[in-house]
Amino acid sequence: MPKQGIHPNYREVVFLDQSNGFQFVTRSCAPAKDKITLEDGRELPLFKLETSSESHAFYTGTQKSVDSLGGRVEKFRNKFAQFRK
């Protein structure tokens, strides 16, 4: 018989990106204070996020490349090239 009370509360949780309203359901142990009722009638715990893959600049393609900032990376490499092995 498995021990009781040693396992985390692993259940379905709704993650909500507060920056754009995107939400997804997955299984998680994340603590959630709020609940949300989905369109299908299920009431699940709600975990609020500041950003997700739907709003993060890296995933949306709006992130600026470091190399496009006036050649600073190339200037740094040239300056310290003598120290590279």
C-alpha atoms as a PDB file:
ATOM      1  CA  MET A   1       0.000   0.000   0.000  1.00  0.00           C
ATOM      2  CA  PRO A   2       1.494   3.424  -0.986  1.00  0.00           C
ATOM      3  CA  LYS A   3       2.225   5.976   1.708  1.00  0.00           C
ATOM      4  CA  GLN A   4      -0.407   8.684   2.091  1.00  0.00           C
ATOM      5  CA  GLY A   5       0.381  12.410   2.195  1.00  0.00           C
ATOM      6  CA  ILE A   6       3.811  12.341   0.547  1.00  0.00           C
ATOM      7  CA  HIS A   7       2.813  13.029  -3.045  1.00  0.00           C
ATOM      8  CA  PRO A   8       2.166  16.520  -4.453  1.00  0.00           C
ATOM      9  CA  ASN A   9      -1.307  17.512  -5.610  1.00  0.00           C
ATOM     10  CA  TYR A  10      -0.889  16.710  -9.323  1.00  0.00           C
ATOM     11  CA  ARG A  11      -4.016  17.723 -11.202  1.00  0.00           C
ATOM     12  CA  GLU A  12      -5.288  19.642 -14.224  1.00  0.00           C
ATOM     13  CA  VAL A  13      -4.630  23.397 -13.949  1.00  0.00           C
ATOM     14  CA  VAL A  14      -5.542  26.296 -16.246  1.00  0.00           C
ATOM     15  CA  PHE A  15      -2.633  28.662 -16.928  1.00  0.00           C
ATOM     16  CA  LEU A  16      -3.732  32.176 -17.932  1.00  0.00           C
ATOM     17  CA  ASP A  17      -1.402  34.657 -19.669  1.00  0.00           C
ATOM     18  CA  GLN A  18      -2.558  37.969 -18.205  1.00  0.00           C
ATOM     19  CA  SER A  19      -0.909  40.040 -20.943  1.00  0.00           C
ATOM     20  CA  ASN A  20      -3.130  38.700 -23.742  1.00  0.00           C
ATOM     21  CA  GLY A  21      -5.765  36.395 -22.214  1.00  0.00           C
ATOM     22  CA  PHE A  22      -4.307  33.179 -23.712  1.00  0.00           C
ATOM     23  CA  GLN A  23      -5.060  30.142 -21.561  1.00  0.00           C
ATOM     24  CA  PHE A  24      -4.154  26.476 -21.677  1.00  0.00           C
ATOM     25  CA  VAL A  25      -4.881  23.414 -19.571  1.00  0.00           C
ATOM     26  CA  THR A  26      -2.173  21.027 -18.462  1.00  0.00           C
ATOM     27  CA  ARG A  27      -1.394  18.838 -15.474  1.00  0.00           C
ATOM     28  CA  SER A  28       0.684  20.518 -12.780  1.00  0.00           C
ATOM     29  CA  CYS A  29       1.496  20.752  -9.071  1.00  0.00           C
ATOM     30  CA  ALA A  30       1.500  24.582  -9.258  1.00  0.00           C
ATOM     31  CA  PRO A  31      -0.318  26.198  -6.342  1.00  0.00           C
ATOM     32  CA  ALA A  32      -3.472  28.007  -7.404  1.00  0.00           C
ATOM     33  CA  LYS A  33      -5.671  30.232  -5.258  1.00  0.00           C
ATOM     34  CA  ASP A  34      -8.324  31.006  -7.865  1.00  0.00           C
ATOM     35  CA  LYS A  35     -10.645  28.789  -9.908  1.00  0.00           C
ATOM     36  CA  ILE A  36     -12.057  29.173 -13.408  1.00  0.00           C
ATOM     37  CA  THR A  37     -15.011  27.532 -15.129  1.00  0.00           C
ATOM     38  CA  LEU A  38     -14.241  26.412 -18.664  1.00  0.00           C
ATOM     39  CA  GLU A  39     -16.669  26.398 -21.597  1.00  0.00           C
ATOM     40  CA  ASP A  40     -17.241  22.664 -21.140  1.00  0.00           C
ATOM     41  CA  GLY A  41     -18.402  23.234 -17.549  1.00  0.00           C
ATOM     42  CA  ARG A  42     -15.302  21.960 -15.728  1.00  0.00           C
ATOM     43  CA  GLU A  43     -14.111  24.056 -12.794  1.00  0.00           C
ATOM     44  CA  LEU A  44     -10.330  23.968 -12.536  1.00  0.00           C
ATOM     45  CA  PRO A  45      -7.658  25.756 -10.496  1.00  0.00           C
ATOM     46  CA  LEU A  46      -6.318  28.932 -12.177  1.00  0.00           C
ATOM     47  CA  PHE A  47      -2.630  29.872 -12.204  1.00  0.00           C
ATOM     48  CA  LYS A  48      -1.931  33.370 -13.536  1.00  0.00           C
ATOM     49  CA  LEU A  49       1.178  34.062 -15.639  1.00  0.00           C
ATOM     50  CA  GLU A  50       2.722  37.392 -16.610  1.00  0.00           C
ATOM     51  CA  THR A  51       3.950  35.978 -19.912  1.00  0.00           C
ATOM     52  CA  SER A  52       3.790  32.742 -21.889  1.00  0.00           C
ATOM     53  CA  SER A  53       4.987  31.510 -25.258  1.00  0.00           C
ATOM     54  CA  GLU A  54       2.058  33.405 -26.812  1.00  0.00           C
ATOM     55  CA  SER A  55       3.306  36.776 -25.558  1.00  0.00           C
ATOM     56  CA  HIS A  56       7.079  36.411 -24.978  1.00  0.00           C
ATOM     57  CA  ALA A  57       9.181  38.318 -27.510  1.00  0.00           C
ATOM     58  CA  PHE A  58      11.439  35.330 -28.236  1.00  0.00           C
ATOM     59  CA  TYR A  59       8.542  33.119 -29.320  1.00  0.00           C
ATOM     60  CA  THR A  60       6.540  35.805 -31.137  1.00  0.00           C
ATOM     61  CA  GLY A  61       9.517  36.855 -33.269  1.00  0.00           C
ATOM     62  CA  THR A  62       9.598  40.435 -32.007  1.00  0.00           C
ATOM     63  CA  GLN A  63      12.814  40.066 -30.013  1.00  0.00           C
ATOM     64  CA  LYS A  64      15.703  42.138 -31.298  1.00  0.00           C
ATOM     65  CA  SER A  65      18.912  40.322 -32.059  1.00  0.00           C
ATOM     66  CA  VAL A  66      21.967  41.319 -30.066  1.00  0.00           C
ATOM     67  CA  ASP A  67      24.042  41.282 -33.256  1.00  0.00           C
ATOM     68  CA  SER A  68      21.837  43.942 -34.842  1.00  0.00           C
ATOM     69  CA  LEU A  69      22.634  46.501 -32.151  1.00  0.00           C
ATOM     70  CA  GLY A  70      25.370  48.371 -33.995  1.00  0.00           C
ATOM     71  CA  GLY A  71      27.931  45.563 -34.145  1.00  0.00           C
ATOM     72  CA  ARG A  72      28.657  45.613 -30.414  1.00  0.00           C
ATOM     73  CA  VAL A  73      29.105  41.852 -30.248  1.00  0.00           C
ATOM     74  CA  GLU A  74      31.629  41.873 -33.097  1.00  0.00           C
ATOM     75  CA  LYS A  75      33.467  44.821 -31.501  1.00  0.00           C
ATOM     76  CA  PHE A  76      33.667  42.884 -28.206  1.00  0.00           C
ATOM     77  CA  ARG A  77      34.974  39.759 -29.949  1.00  0.00           C
ATOM     78  CA  ASN A  78      37.654  41.740 -31.761  1.00  0.00           C
ATOM     79  CA  LYS A  79      38.726  43.503 -28.587  1.00  0.00           C
ATOM     80  CA  PHE A  80      39.147  40.276 -26.606  1.00  0.00           C
ATOM     81  CA  ALA A  81      40.211  37.915 -29.425  1.00  0.00           C
ATOM     82  CA  GLN A  82      43.745  37.785 -28.063  1.00  0.00           C
ATOM     83  CA  PHE A  83      42.516  36.135 -24.852  1.00  0.00           C
ATOM     84  CA  ARG A  84      40.640  33.306 -26.595  1.00  0.00           C
ATOM     85  CA  LYS A  85      42.270  29.914 -26.581  1.00  0.00           C
END
